[in-house]
Amino acid sequence: LEYLDVIETLLRQRTGRANLVLCDYFDLIGGTSTDSIIAAALACGL
């Protein structure tokens, strides 16, 4: 989650879109174990 927050911040700066979320940038999101729950939340924009 901490890494994703940094990635999202960098993508917002790069694209100039202040409301960008990771599901807007990535086509497919997946994970294992706990990260699969995080991936599902990201994919839904939660």
All heavy atoms as atom14 arrays in JSON, in Angstrom:
{
  "sequence": "LEYLDVIETLLRQRTGRANLVLCDYFDLIGGTSTDSIIAAALACGL",
  "atom14_mask": [
    [1, 1, 1, 1, 1, 1, 1, 1, 0, 0, 0, 0, 0, 0],
    [1, 1, 1, 1, 1, 1, 1, 1, 1, 0, 0, 0, 0, 0],
    [1, 1, 1, 1, 1, 1, 1, 1, 1, 1, 1, 1, 0, 0],
    [1, 1, 1, 1, 1, 1, 1, 1, 0, 0, 0, 0, 0, 0],
    [1, 1, 1, 1, 1, 1, 1, 1, 0, 0, 0, 0, 0, 0],
    [1, 1, 1, 1, 1, 1, 1, 0, 0, 0, 0, 0, 0, 0],
    [1, 1, 1, 1, 1, 1, 1, 1, 0, 0, 0, 0, 0, 0],
    [1, 1, 1, 1, 1, 1, 1, 1, 1, 0, 0, 0, 0, 0],
    [1, 1, 1, 1, 1, 1, 1, 0, 0, 0, 0, 0, 0, 0],
    [1, 1, 1, 1, 1, 1, 1, 1, 0, 0, 0, 0, 0, 0],
    [1, 1, 1, 1, 1, 1, 1, 1, 0, 0, 0, 0, 0, 0],
    [1, 1, 1, 1, 1, 1, 1, 1, 1, 1, 1, 0, 0, 0],
    [1, 1, 1, 1, 1, 1, 1, 1, 1, 0, 0, 0, 0, 0],
    [1, 1, 1, 1, 1, 1, 1, 1, 1, 1, 1, 0, 0, 0],
    [1, 1, 1, 1, 1, 1, 1, 0, 0, 0, 0, 0, 0, 0],
    [1, 1, 1, 1, 0, 0, 0, 0, 0, 0, 0, 0, 0, 0],
    [1, 1, 1, 1, 1, 1, 1, 1, 1, 1, 1, 0, 0, 0],
    [1, 1, 1, 1, 1, 0, 0, 0, 0, 0, 0, 0, 0, 0],
    [1, 1, 1, 1, 1, 1, 1, 1, 0, 0, 0, 0, 0, 0],
    [1, 1, 1, 1, 1, 1, 1, 1, 0, 0, 0, 0, 0, 0],
    [1, 1, 1, 1, 1, 1, 1, 0, 0, 0, 0, 0, 0, 0],
    [1, 1, 1, 1, 1, 1, 1, 1, 0, 0, 0, 0, 0, 0],
    [1, 1, 1, 1, 1, 1, 0, 0, 0, 0, 0, 0, 0, 0],
    [1, 1, 1, 1, 1, 1, 1, 1, 0, 0, 0, 0, 0, 0],
    [1, 1, 1, 1, 1, 1, 1, 1, 1, 1, 1, 1, 0, 0],
    [1, 1, 1, 1, 1, 1, 1, 1, 1, 1, 1, 0, 0, 0],
    [1, 1, 1, 1, 1, 1, 1, 1, 0, 0, 0, 0, 0, 0],
    [1, 1, 1, 1, 1, 1, 1, 1, 0, 0, 0, 0, 0, 0],
    [1, 1, 1, 1, 1, 1, 1, 1, 0, 0, 0, 0, 0, 0],
    [1, 1, 1, 1, 0, 0, 0, 0, 0, 0, 0, 0, 0, 0],
    [1, 1, 1, 1, 0, 0, 0, 0, 0, 0, 0, 0, 0, 0],
    [1, 1, 1, 1, 1, 1, 1, 0, 0, 0, 0, 0, 0, 0],
    [1, 1, 1, 1, 1, 1, 0, 0, 0, 0, 0, 0, 0, 0],
    [1, 1, 1, 1, 1, 1, 1, 0, 0, 0, 0, 0, 0, 0],
    [1, 1, 1, 1, 1, 1, 1, 1, 0, 0, 0, 0, 0, 0],
    [1, 1, 1, 1, 1, 1, 0, 0, 0, 0, 0, 0, 0, 0],
    [1, 1, 1, 1, 1, 1, 1, 1, 0, 0, 0, 0, 0, 0],
    [1, 1, 1, 1, 1, 1, 1, 1, 0, 0, 0, 0, 0, 0],
    [1, 1, 1, 1, 1, 0, 0, 0, 0, 0, 0, 0, 0, 0],
    [1, 1, 1, 1, 1, 0, 0, 0, 0, 0, 0, 0, 0, 0],
    [1, 1, 1, 1, 1, 0, 0, 0, 0, 0, 0, 0, 0, 0],
    [1, 1, 1, 1, 1, 1, 1, 1, 0, 0, 0, 0, 0, 0],
    [1, 1, 1, 1, 1, 0, 0, 0, 0, 0, 0, 0, 0, 0],
    [1, 1, 1, 1, 1, 1, 0, 0, 0, 0, 0, 0, 0, 0],
    [1, 1, 1, 1, 0, 0, 0, 0, 0, 0, 0, 0, 0, 0],
    [1, 1, 1, 1, 1, 1, 1, 1, 0, 0, 0, 0, 0, 0]
  ],
  "atom14_positions": [
    [[0.83, -1.22, 0.0], [0.0, 0.0, 0.0], [0.86, 1.26, 0.0], [0.53, 2.24, -0.67], [-0.94, -0.01, 1.2], [-2.07, -1.02, 1.15], [-2.81, -1.04, 2.48], [-3.02, -0.71, 0.01], [0.0, 0.0, 0.0], [0.0, 0.0, 0.0], [0.0, 0.0, 0.0], [0.0, 0.0, 0.0], [0.0, 0.0, 0.0], [0.0, 0.0, 0.0]],
    [[1.95, 1.24, 0.73], [2.83, 2.41, 0.77], [3.47, 2.65, -0.6], [3.54, 3.78, -1.08], [3.92, 2.22, 1.83], [3.38, 2.23, 3.25], [2.73, 3.54, 3.64], [3.24, 4.62, 3.24], [1.7, 3.5, 4.33], [0.0, 0.0, 0.0], [0.0, 0.0, 0.0], [0.0, 0.0, 0.0], [0.0, 0.0, 0.0], [0.0, 0.0, 0.0]],
    [[3.94, 1.57, -1.24], [4.52, 1.7, -2.58], [3.47, 2.19, -3.58], [3.76, 3.04, -4.43], [5.1, 0.37, -3.06], [6.42, 0.02, -2.44], [6.57, -1.14, -1.7], [7.53, 0.85, -2.6], [7.79, -1.47, -1.14], [8.75, 0.52, -2.03], [8.87, -0.64, -1.31], [10.08, -0.97, -0.75], [0.0, 0.0, 0.0], [0.0, 0.0, 0.0]],
    [[2.27, 1.66, -3.49], [1.2, 2.07, -4.42], [0.86, 3.54, -4.26], [0.56, 4.22, -5.24], [-0.04, 1.19, -4.23], [0.12, -0.26, -4.65], [-1.11, -1.06, -4.25], [0.39, -0.37, -6.13], [0.0, 0.0, 0.0], [0.0, 0.0, 0.0], [0.0, 0.0, 0.0], [0.0, 0.0, 0.0], [0.0, 0.0, 0.0], [0.0, 0.0, 0.0]],
    [[0.91, 4.03, -3.03], [0.64, 5.45, -2.79], [1.69, 6.32, -3.5], [1.35, 7.32, -4.14], [0.64, 5.74, -1.29], [0.25, 7.18, -0.99], [-0.76, 7.65, -1.56], [0.96, 7.82, -0.2], [0.0, 0.0, 0.0], [0.0, 0.0, 0.0], [0.0, 0.0, 0.0], [0.0, 0.0, 0.0], [0.0, 0.0, 0.0], [0.0, 0.0, 0.0]],
    [[2.94, 5.91, -3.43], [4.02, 6.65, -4.1], [3.83, 6.59, -5.61], [3.96, 7.61, -6.31], [5.4, 6.09, -3.69], [6.51, 6.7, -4.53], [5.66, 6.35, -2.21], [0.0, 0.0, 0.0], [0.0, 0.0, 0.0], [0.0, 0.0, 0.0], [0.0, 0.0, 0.0], [0.0, 0.0, 0.0], [0.0, 0.0, 0.0], [0.0, 0.0, 0.0]],
    [[3.52, 5.39, -6.14], [3.32, 5.24, -7.58], [2.17, 6.12, -8.06], [2.27, 6.8, -9.08], [3.07, 3.77, -7.94], [4.33, 2.94, -7.7], [2.59, 3.61, -9.38], [4.12, 1.45, -7.77], [0.0, 0.0, 0.0], [0.0, 0.0, 0.0], [0.0, 0.0, 0.0], [0.0, 0.0, 0.0], [0.0, 0.0, 0.0], [0.0, 0.0, 0.0]],
    [[1.07, 6.11, -7.31], [-0.08, 6.91, -7.69], [0.26, 8.4, -7.67], [-0.13, 9.15, -8.59], [-1.25, 6.62, -6.76], [-2.56, 7.18, -7.22], [-3.71, 6.67, -6.39], [-3.85, 7.13, -5.24], [-4.45, 5.81, -6.87], [0.0, 0.0, 0.0], [0.0, 0.0, 0.0], [0.0, 0.0, 0.0], [0.0, 0.0, 0.0], [0.0, 0.0, 0.0]],
    [[0.99, 8.85, -6.68], [1.41, 10.24, -6.6], [2.28, 10.63, -7.79], [2.07, 11.68, -8.41], [2.16, 10.51, -5.28], [1.29, 10.2, -4.19], [2.62, 11.95, -5.18], [0.0, 0.0, 0.0], [0.0, 0.0, 0.0], [0.0, 0.0, 0.0], [0.0, 0.0, 0.0], [0.0, 0.0, 0.0], [0.0, 0.0, 0.0], [0.0, 0.0, 0.0]],
    [[3.23, 9.77, -8.14], [4.1, 10.04, -9.29], [3.31, 10.07, -10.59], [3.56, 10.93, -11.45], [5.2, 8.98, -9.37], [6.26, 9.02, -8.27], [7.17, 7.81, -8.36], [7.04, 10.32, -8.33], [0.0, 0.0, 0.0], [0.0, 0.0, 0.0], [0.0, 0.0, 0.0], [0.0, 0.0, 0.0], [0.0, 0.0, 0.0], [0.0, 0.0, 0.0]],
    [[2.34, 9.16, -10.75], [1.52, 9.16, -11.95], [0.66, 10.41, -12.05], [0.45, 10.95, -13.13], [0.65, 7.9, -12.01], [1.38, 6.6, -12.32], [0.44, 5.41, -12.15], [1.95, 6.64, -13.72], [0.0, 0.0, 0.0], [0.0, 0.0, 0.0], [0.0, 0.0, 0.0], [0.0, 0.0, 0.0], [0.0, 0.0, 0.0], [0.0, 0.0, 0.0]],
    [[0.16, 10.87, -10.92], [-0.63, 12.1, -10.92], [0.22, 13.29, -11.35], [-0.24, 14.14, -12.11], [-1.22, 12.36, -9.53], [-2.36, 11.44, -9.21], [-2.88, 11.67, -7.83], [-4.04, 10.81, -7.62], [-4.74, 10.8, -6.52], [-4.44, 11.61, -5.53], [-5.78, 10.0, -6.4], [0.0, 0.0, 0.0], [0.0, 0.0, 0.0], [0.0, 0.0, 0.0]],
    [[1.45, 13.34, -10.87], [2.35, 14.43, -11.26], [2.7, 14.33, -12.74], [2.71, 15.34, -13.45], [3.63, 14.38, -10.43], [3.42, 14.73, -8.98], [4.65, 14.47, -8.14], [5.64, 13.91, -8.59], [4.58, 14.86, -6.87], [0.0, 0.0, 0.0], [0.0, 0.0, 0.0], [0.0, 0.0, 0.0], [0.0, 0.0, 0.0], [0.0, 0.0, 0.0]],
    [[2.98, 13.12, -13.22], [3.39, 12.93, -14.61], [2.27, 13.26, -15.58], [2.51, 13.86, -16.63], [3.83, 11.48, -14.82], [4.28, 11.21, -16.25], [4.57, 9.76, -16.5], [5.73, 9.33, -15.76], [6.18, 8.1, -15.77], [5.55, 7.17, -16.46], [7.25, 7.76, -15.09], [0.0, 0.0, 0.0], [0.0, 0.0, 0.0], [0.0, 0.0, 0.0]],
    [[1.04, 12.86, -15.24], [-0.08, 13.06, -16.16], [-0.77, 14.41, -15.96], [-1.52, 14.83, -16.83], [-1.12, 11.95, -15.99], [-1.65, 11.99, -14.66], [-0.54, 10.58, -16.29], [0.0, 0.0, 0.0], [0.0, 0.0, 0.0], [0.0, 0.0, 0.0], [0.0, 0.0, 0.0], [0.0, 0.0, 0.0], [0.0, 0.0, 0.0], [0.0, 0.0, 0.0]],
    [[-0.56, 15.03, -14.81], [-1.24, 16.3, -14.53], [-2.7, 16.11, -14.14], [-3.45, 17.07, -14.11], [0.0, 0.0, 0.0], [0.0, 0.0, 0.0], [0.0, 0.0, 0.0], [0.0, 0.0, 0.0], [0.0, 0.0, 0.0], [0.0, 0.0, 0.0], [0.0, 0.0, 0.0], [0.0, 0.0, 0.0], [0.0, 0.0, 0.0], [0.0, 0.0, 0.0]],
    [[-3.09, 14.89, -13.85], [-4.47, 14.6, -13.43], [-4.51, 14.39, -11.93], [-4.09, 13.35, -11.43], [-4.98, 13.36, -14.16], [-5.11, 13.56, -15.65], [-5.49, 12.29, -16.37], [-6.64, 11.64, -15.78], [-6.96, 10.36, -16.02], [-6.22, 9.62, -16.8], [-8.02, 9.84, -15.45], [0.0, 0.0, 0.0], [0.0, 0.0, 0.0], [0.0, 0.0, 0.0]],
    [[-5.03, 15.36, -11.21], [-5.03, 15.3, -9.75], [-5.94, 14.21, -9.19], [-5.75, 13.76, -8.07], [-5.45, 16.65, -9.19], [0.0, 0.0, 0.0], [0.0, 0.0, 0.0], [0.0, 0.0, 0.0], [0.0, 0.0, 0.0], [0.0, 0.0, 0.0], [0.0, 0.0, 0.0], [0.0, 0.0, 0.0], [0.0, 0.0, 0.0], [0.0, 0.0, 0.0]],
    [[-6.91, 13.77, -9.96], [-7.86, 12.76, -9.46], [-7.58, 11.36, -10.03], [-8.41, 10.48, -9.89], [-9.29, 13.18, -9.77], [-9.53, 13.33, -11.27], [-8.59, 13.35, -12.07], [-10.78, 13.45, -11.64], [0.0, 0.0, 0.0], [0.0, 0.0, 0.0], [0.0, 0.0, 0.0], [0.0, 0.0, 0.0], [0.0, 0.0, 0.0], [0.0, 0.0, 0.0]],
    [[-6.43, 11.15, -10.65], [-6.09, 9.85, -11.22], [-5.98, 8.79, -10.13], [-5.41, 9.03, -9.07], [-4.74, 9.94, -11.96], [-4.28, 8.64, -12.6], [-3.88, 8.89, -14.04], [-3.12, 8.05, -11.84], [0.0, 0.0, 0.0], [0.0, 0.0, 0.0], [0.0, 0.0, 0.0], [0.0, 0.0, 0.0], [0.0, 0.0, 0.0], [0.0, 0.0, 0.0]],
    [[-6.57, 7.64, -10.38], [-6.4, 6.48, -9.51], [-5.74, 5.39, -10.34], [-5.78, 5.41, -11.57], [-7.74, 6.0, -8.9], [-8.25, 6.99, -7.89], [-8.77, 5.74, -9.97], [0.0, 0.0, 0.0], [0.0, 0.0, 0.0], [0.0, 0.0, 0.0], [0.0, 0.0, 0.0], [0.0, 0.0, 0.0], [0.0, 0.0, 0.0], [0.0, 0.0, 0.0]],
    [[-5.15, 4.42, -9.69], [-4.36, 3.41, -10.39], [-5.17, 2.62, -11.41], [-4.65, 2.23, -12.45], [-3.69, 2.48, -9.39], [-2.59, 3.14, -8.56], [-2.08, 2.18, -7.49], [-1.46, 3.61, -9.43], [0.0, 0.0, 0.0], [0.0, 0.0, 0.0], [0.0, 0.0, 0.0], [0.0, 0.0, 0.0], [0.0, 0.0, 0.0], [0.0, 0.0, 0.0]],
    [[-6.45, 2.42, -11.16], [-7.26, 1.67, -12.13], [-7.47, 2.46, -13.42], [-7.79, 1.87, -14.46], [-8.6, 1.24, -11.54], [-9.7, 2.59, -11.12], [0.0, 0.0, 0.0], [0.0, 0.0, 0.0], [0.0, 0.0, 0.0], [0.0, 0.0, 0.0], [0.0, 0.0, 0.0], [0.0, 0.0, 0.0], [0.0, 0.0, 0.0], [0.0, 0.0, 0.0]],
    [[-7.26, 3.77, -13.4], [-7.33, 4.58, -14.62], [-6.09, 4.36, -15.49], [-6.15, 4.54, -16.7], [-7.42, 6.07, -14.29], [-8.71, 6.44, -13.59], [-9.71, 5.72, -13.76], [-8.7, 7.44, -12.85], [0.0, 0.0, 0.0], [0.0, 0.0, 0.0], [0.0, 0.0, 0.0], [0.0, 0.0, 0.0], [0.0, 0.0, 0.0], [0.0, 0.0, 0.0]],
    [[-4.99, 4.0, -14.88], [-3.72, 3.88, -15.6], [-3.42, 2.45, -16.04], [-2.94, 2.23, -17.14], [-2.58, 4.4, -14.7], [-1.25, 4.45, -15.39], [-0.94, 5.49, -16.25], [-0.29, 3.46, -15.19], [0.29, 5.55, -16.89], [0.94, 3.51, -15.82], [1.22, 4.56, -16.68], [2.43, 4.61, -17.32], [0.0, 0.0, 0.0], [0.0, 0.0, 0.0]],
    [[-3.72, 1.47, -15.19], [-3.4, 0.08, -15.49], [-4.6, -0.62, -16.12], [-5.74, -0.43, -15.7], [-2.96, -0.66, -14.23], [-1.63, -0.21, -13.71], [-1.54, 0.7, -12.68], [-0.46, -0.68, -14.29], [-0.31, 1.14, -12.22], [0.78, -0.25, -13.84], [0.86, 0.66, -12.8], [0.0, 0.0, 0.0], [0.0, 0.0, 0.0], [0.0, 0.0, 0.0]],
    [[-4.32, -1.47, -17.13], [-5.37, -2.24, -17.79], [-5.78, -3.47, -16.99], [-6.94, -3.84, -16.97], [-4.89, -2.68, -19.18], [-4.62, -1.49, -20.08], [-5.55, -0.68, -20.26], [-3.49, -1.37, -20.59], [0.0, 0.0, 0.0], [0.0, 0.0, 0.0], [0.0, 0.0, 0.0], [0.0, 0.0, 0.0], [0.0, 0.0, 0.0], [0.0, 0.0, 0.0]],
    [[-4.81, -4.11, -16.36], [-5.06, -5.32, -15.58], [-4.33, -5.2, -14.25], [-3.18, -4.77, -14.2], [-4.56, -6.56, -16.33], [-5.17, -6.79, -17.71], [-4.37, -7.84, -18.47], [-6.61, -7.21, -17.59], [0.0, 0.0, 0.0], [0.0, 0.0, 0.0], [0.0, 0.0, 0.0], [0.0, 0.0, 0.0], [0.0, 0.0, 0.0], [0.0, 0.0, 0.0]],
    [[-5.01, -5.61, -13.17], [-4.41, -5.57, -11.83], [-4.69, -6.91, -11.17], [-5.82, -7.39, -11.16], [-5.01, -4.44, -10.97], [-4.84, -3.08, -11.65], [-4.38, -4.42, -9.59], [-5.55, -1.93, -10.95], [0.0, 0.0, 0.0], [0.0, 0.0, 0.0], [0.0, 0.0, 0.0], [0.0, 0.0, 0.0], [0.0, 0.0, 0.0], [0.0, 0.0, 0.0]],
    [[-3.64, -7.52, -10.62], [-3.81, -8.81, -9.96], [-2.82, -8.95, -8.82], [-1.85, -8.2, -8.71], [0.0, 0.0, 0.0], [0.0, 0.0, 0.0], [0.0, 0.0, 0.0], [0.0, 0.0, 0.0], [0.0, 0.0, 0.0], [0.0, 0.0, 0.0], [0.0, 0.0, 0.0], [0.0, 0.0, 0.0], [0.0, 0.0, 0.0], [0.0, 0.0, 0.0]],
    [[-3.08, -9.9, -7.95], [-2.19, -10.12, -6.82], [-2.43, -11.46, -6.17], [-3.32, -12.21, -6.56], [0.0, 0.0, 0.0], [0.0, 0.0, 0.0], [0.0, 0.0, 0.0], [0.0, 0.0, 0.0], [0.0, 0.0, 0.0], [0.0, 0.0, 0.0], [0.0, 0.0, 0.0], [0.0, 0.0, 0.0], [0.0, 0.0, 0.0], [0.0, 0.0, 0.0]],
    [[-1.59, -11.77, -5.19], [-1.72, -13.01, -4.45], [-1.96, -12.7, -2.98], [-1.49, -11.68, -2.47], [-0.44, -13.87, -4.57], [0.66, -13.11, -4.08], [-0.18, -14.26, -6.0], [0.0, 0.0, 0.0], [0.0, 0.0, 0.0], [0.0, 0.0, 0.0], [0.0, 0.0, 0.0], [0.0, 0.0, 0.0], [0.0, 0.0, 0.0], [0.0, 0.0, 0.0]],
    [[-2.7, -13.57, -2.34], [-2.94, -13.47, -0.91], [-3.56, -12.11, -0.55], [-4.53, -11.69, -1.18], [-1.64, -13.72, -0.14], [-1.88, -13.82, 1.23], [0.0, 0.0, 0.0], [0.0, 0.0, 0.0], [0.0, 0.0, 0.0], [0.0, 0.0, 0.0], [0.0, 0.0, 0.0], [0.0, 0.0, 0.0], [0.0, 0.0, 0.0], [0.0, 0.0, 0.0]],
    [[-2.99, -11.42, 0.4], [-3.51, -10.11, 0.81], [-3.53, -9.14, -0.36], [-4.44, -8.32, -0.5], [-2.64, -9.52, 1.95], [-2.67, -10.42, 3.06], [-3.13, -8.16, 2.37], [0.0, 0.0, 0.0], [0.0, 0.0, 0.0], [0.0, 0.0, 0.0], [0.0, 0.0, 0.0], [0.0, 0.0, 0.0], [0.0, 0.0, 0.0], [0.0, 0.0, 0.0]],
    [[-2.52, -9.26, -1.21], [-2.44, -8.34, -2.35], [-3.56, -8.58, -3.37], [-3.87, -7.69, -4.16], [-1.07, -8.44, -3.01], [0.01, -7.81, -2.14], [-0.34, -6.98, -1.27], [1.19, -8.14, -2.32], [0.0, 0.0, 0.0], [0.0, 0.0, 0.0], [0.0, 0.0, 0.0], [0.0, 0.0, 0.0], [0.0, 0.0, 0.0], [0.0, 0.0, 0.0]],
    [[-4.18, -9.75, -3.36], [-5.32, -9.96, -4.25], [-6.51, -9.13, -3.78], [-7.29, -8.63, -4.6], [-5.7, -11.44, -4.34], [-6.17, -11.91, -3.1], [0.0, 0.0, 0.0], [0.0, 0.0, 0.0], [0.0, 0.0, 0.0], [0.0, 0.0, 0.0], [0.0, 0.0, 0.0], [0.0, 0.0, 0.0], [0.0, 0.0, 0.0], [0.0, 0.0, 0.0]],
    [[-6.63, -8.95, -2.5], [-7.69, -8.1, -1.95], [-7.41, -6.63, -2.32], [-8.32, -5.9, -2.74], [-7.8, -8.27, -0.42], [-8.19, -9.72, -0.09], [-8.8, -7.28, 0.17], [-8.06, -10.07, 1.36], [0.0, 0.0, 0.0], [0.0, 0.0, 0.0], [0.0, 0.0, 0.0], [0.0, 0.0, 0.0], [0.0, 0.0, 0.0], [0.0, 0.0, 0.0]],
    [[-6.15, -6.23, -2.18], [-5.77, -4.88, -2.58], [-6.01, -4.68, -4.06], [-6.53, -3.65, -4.5], [-4.3, -4.62, -2.21], [-4.11, -4.65, -0.7], [-3.82, -3.28, -2.78], [-2.66, -4.66, -0.24], [0.0, 0.0, 0.0], [0.0, 0.0, 0.0], [0.0, 0.0, 0.0], [0.0, 0.0, 0.0], [0.0, 0.0, 0.0], [0.0, 0.0, 0.0]],
    [[-5.63, -5.68, -4.89], [-5.82, -5.59, -6.33], [-7.29, -5.44, -6.7], [-7.65, -4.63, -7.57], [-5.24, -6.82, -7.02], [0.0, 0.0, 0.0], [0.0, 0.0, 0.0], [0.0, 0.0, 0.0], [0.0, 0.0, 0.0], [0.0, 0.0, 0.0], [0.0, 0.0, 0.0], [0.0, 0.0, 0.0], [0.0, 0.0, 0.0], [0.0, 0.0, 0.0]],
    [[-8.15, -6.18, -6.02], [-9.58, -6.09, -6.29], [-10.1, -4.68, -5.95], [-10.89, -4.1, -6.71], [-10.34, -7.14, -5.51], [0.0, 0.0, 0.0], [0.0, 0.0, 0.0], [0.0, 0.0, 0.0], [0.0, 0.0, 0.0], [0.0, 0.0, 0.0], [0.0, 0.0, 0.0], [0.0, 0.0, 0.0], [0.0, 0.0, 0.0], [0.0, 0.0, 0.0]],
    [[-9.66, -4.14, -4.83], [-10.08, -2.79, -4.44], [-9.58, -1.76, -5.45], [-10.31, -0.84, -5.82], [-9.59, -2.47, -3.03], [0.0, 0.0, 0.0], [0.0, 0.0, 0.0], [0.0, 0.0, 0.0], [0.0, 0.0, 0.0], [0.0, 0.0, 0.0], [0.0, 0.0, 0.0], [0.0, 0.0, 0.0], [0.0, 0.0, 0.0], [0.0, 0.0, 0.0]],
    [[-8.32, -1.91, -5.89], [-7.77, -0.98, -6.88], [-8.53, -1.06, -8.18], [-8.84, -0.04, -8.8], [-6.29, -1.29, -7.12], [-5.3, -0.93, -6.02], [-3.94, -1.48, -6.38], [-5.26, 0.56, -5.81], [0.0, 0.0, 0.0], [0.0, 0.0, 0.0], [0.0, 0.0, 0.0], [0.0, 0.0, 0.0], [0.0, 0.0, 0.0], [0.0, 0.0, 0.0]],
    [[-8.8, -2.27, -8.63], [-9.48, -2.48, -9.92], [-10.87, -1.85, -9.91], [-11.36, -1.4, -10.93], [-9.56, -3.96, -10.25], [0.0, 0.0, 0.0], [0.0, 0.0, 0.0], [0.0, 0.0, 0.0], [0.0, 0.0, 0.0], [0.0, 0.0, 0.0], [0.0, 0.0, 0.0], [0.0, 0.0, 0.0], [0.0, 0.0, 0.0], [0.0, 0.0, 0.0]],
    [[-11.5, -1.83, -8.74], [-12.84, -1.25, -8.62], [-12.79, 0.26, -8.33], [-13.82, 0.9, -8.24], [-13.61, -1.94, -7.51], [-13.98, -3.66, -7.86], [0.0, 0.0, 0.0], [0.0, 0.0, 0.0], [0.0, 0.0, 0.0], [0.0, 0.0, 0.0], [0.0, 0.0, 0.0], [0.0, 0.0, 0.0], [0.0, 0.0, 0.0], [0.0, 0.0, 0.0]],
    [[-11.59, 0.79, -8.17], [-11.45, 2.22, -7.89], [-11.75, 2.59, -6.46], [-12.03, 3.75, -6.16], [0.0, 0.0, 0.0], [0.0, 0.0, 0.0], [0.0, 0.0, 0.0], [0.0, 0.0, 0.0], [0.0, 0.0, 0.0], [0.0, 0.0, 0.0], [0.0, 0.0, 0.0], [0.0, 0.0, 0.0], [0.0, 0.0, 0.0], [0.0, 0.0, 0.0]],
    [[-11.69, 1.63, -5.53], [-12.04, 1.9, -4.15], [-10.93, 2.53, -3.34], [-11.19, 3.16, -2.32], [-12.49, 0.6, -3.45], [-13.73, -0.05, -4.02], [-14.02, -1.35, -3.27], [-14.92, 0.88, -3.93], [0.0, 0.0, 0.0], [0.0, 0.0, 0.0], [0.0, 0.0, 0.0], [0.0, 0.0, 0.0], [0.0, 0.0, 0.0], [0.0, 0.0, 0.0]]
  ]
}
